[in-house]
Amino acid sequence: MSVIQGPEAHRLVEEEGARLLDVRMPEELAEKSVPGAINVPVQELSMRLGELPDKGTPLVVFCRSGRRSEMAANLLRQAGWKRVYDLQTVDAW
């Protein structure tokens, strides 16, 4: 499992072109959102993989508490993404 902290997530985005993936429900974005993050709720992720960057692009996944981001990271790895990082919570950004 590749759990990372905020500073490392920022570095991945800024230096390695990682994309942020917010797996919360759209209504949760009103609480706090991260500019530039792709929003695909974890419940829809397996059906919407085609909307994500190619499998060579690093992905940094987060949600509200870390449970859904862990599920999403596992699903993405099983689907062939090699560089998936779990930021766990939106507050860690």
Protein backbone atom coordinates (compact mmCIF):
# COMPACT_ATOMS: atom_id res chain seq x y z
CA MET A 1 0.00 0.00 0.00
CA SER A 2 1.42 3.39 -0.96
CA VAL A 3 0.03 5.81 1.62
CA ILE A 4 1.58 9.25 1.28
CA GLN A 5 1.52 12.57 3.10
CA GLY A 6 0.58 15.99 1.74
CA PRO A 7 4.09 17.26 0.89
CA GLU A 8 4.87 14.11 -1.13
CA ALA A 9 1.51 14.39 -2.92
CA HIS A 10 2.28 17.99 -3.87
CA ARG A 11 5.70 16.93 -5.16
CA LEU A 12 4.19 14.15 -7.27
CA VAL A 13 1.70 16.55 -8.82
CA GLU A 14 4.17 19.38 -9.39
CA GLU A 15 7.23 17.39 -10.48
CA GLU A 16 5.92 14.12 -11.90
CA GLY A 17 2.60 15.12 -13.41
CA ALA A 18 0.48 13.03 -11.04
CA ARG A 19 -3.26 13.62 -11.21
CA LEU A 20 -5.48 13.98 -8.17
CA LEU A 21 -8.50 11.69 -7.93
CA ASP A 22 -11.24 12.63 -5.47
CA VAL A 23 -13.46 9.59 -4.86
CA ARG A 24 -16.04 11.38 -2.69
CA MET A 25 -19.64 12.00 -3.74
CA PRO A 26 -20.21 15.25 -5.69
CA GLU A 27 -22.22 16.77 -2.83
CA GLU A 28 -19.20 16.40 -0.54
CA LEU A 29 -17.18 18.78 -2.73
CA ALA A 30 -19.05 21.71 -1.14
CA GLU A 31 -17.22 20.99 2.15
CA LYS A 32 -13.77 21.24 0.63
CA SER A 33 -12.48 20.68 -2.86
CA VAL A 34 -9.06 20.52 -4.46
CA PRO A 35 -8.65 22.53 -7.68
CA GLY A 36 -7.82 20.32 -10.64
CA ALA A 37 -8.87 17.06 -8.98
CA ILE A 38 -10.91 14.59 -11.02
CA ASN A 39 -14.08 13.62 -9.15
CA VAL A 40 -15.25 10.04 -9.65
CA PRO A 41 -17.12 8.58 -6.67
CA VAL A 42 -15.66 5.25 -5.60
CA GLN A 43 -19.06 3.60 -6.20
CA GLU A 44 -18.79 4.54 -9.91
CA LEU A 45 -15.05 4.09 -10.38
CA SER A 46 -15.04 0.62 -11.96
CA MET A 47 -17.52 1.83 -14.61
CA ARG A 48 -15.68 5.10 -15.30
CA LEU A 49 -12.05 3.99 -15.62
CA GLY A 50 -12.01 5.28 -19.20
CA GLU A 51 -12.31 8.84 -17.87
CA LEU A 52 -8.98 8.59 -16.05
CA PRO A 53 -5.53 9.43 -17.39
CA ASP A 54 -3.58 6.60 -19.01
CA LYS A 55 -2.16 3.87 -16.82
CA GLY A 56 1.32 5.39 -16.94
CA THR A 57 0.15 8.54 -15.15
CA PRO A 58 0.62 8.55 -11.38
CA LEU A 59 -2.64 8.96 -9.46
CA VAL A 60 -3.06 10.44 -5.98
CA VAL A 61 -6.37 9.28 -4.51
CA PHE A 62 -8.25 10.83 -1.59
CA CYS A 63 -11.67 10.96 0.09
CA ARG A 64 -13.02 12.24 3.42
CA SER A 65 -11.71 9.64 5.89
CA GLY A 66 -9.41 7.31 3.94
CA ARG A 67 -11.67 4.27 3.68
CA ARG A 68 -12.94 4.97 0.17
CA SER A 69 -9.52 6.09 -1.07
CA GLU A 70 -8.06 2.75 0.03
CA MET A 71 -10.82 0.89 -1.84
CA ALA A 72 -10.24 3.05 -4.92
CA ALA A 73 -6.46 2.58 -4.82
CA ASN A 74 -6.87 -1.19 -4.66
CA LEU A 75 -9.35 -1.16 -7.56
CA LEU A 76 -7.02 1.00 -9.66
CA ARG A 77 -4.05 -1.29 -9.02
CA GLN A 78 -6.12 -4.33 -9.99
CA ALA A 79 -7.16 -2.49 -13.17
CA GLY A 80 -3.51 -1.98 -14.16
CA TRP A 81 -2.42 1.40 -12.78
CA LYS A 82 1.07 0.89 -11.32
CA ARG A 83 1.63 4.24 -9.60
CA VAL A 84 -1.32 4.79 -7.28
CA TYR A 85 -0.79 6.77 -4.08
CA ASP A 86 -3.32 7.00 -1.27
CA LEU A 87 -3.41 10.45 0.31
CA GLN A 88 -6.34 9.19 2.36
CA THR A 89 -8.09 12.47 3.28
CA VAL A 90 -8.84 15.71 1.45
CA ASP A 91 -7.53 17.53 4.54
CA ALA A 92 -4.08 16.01 3.96
CA TRP A 93 -3.77 17.99 0.73
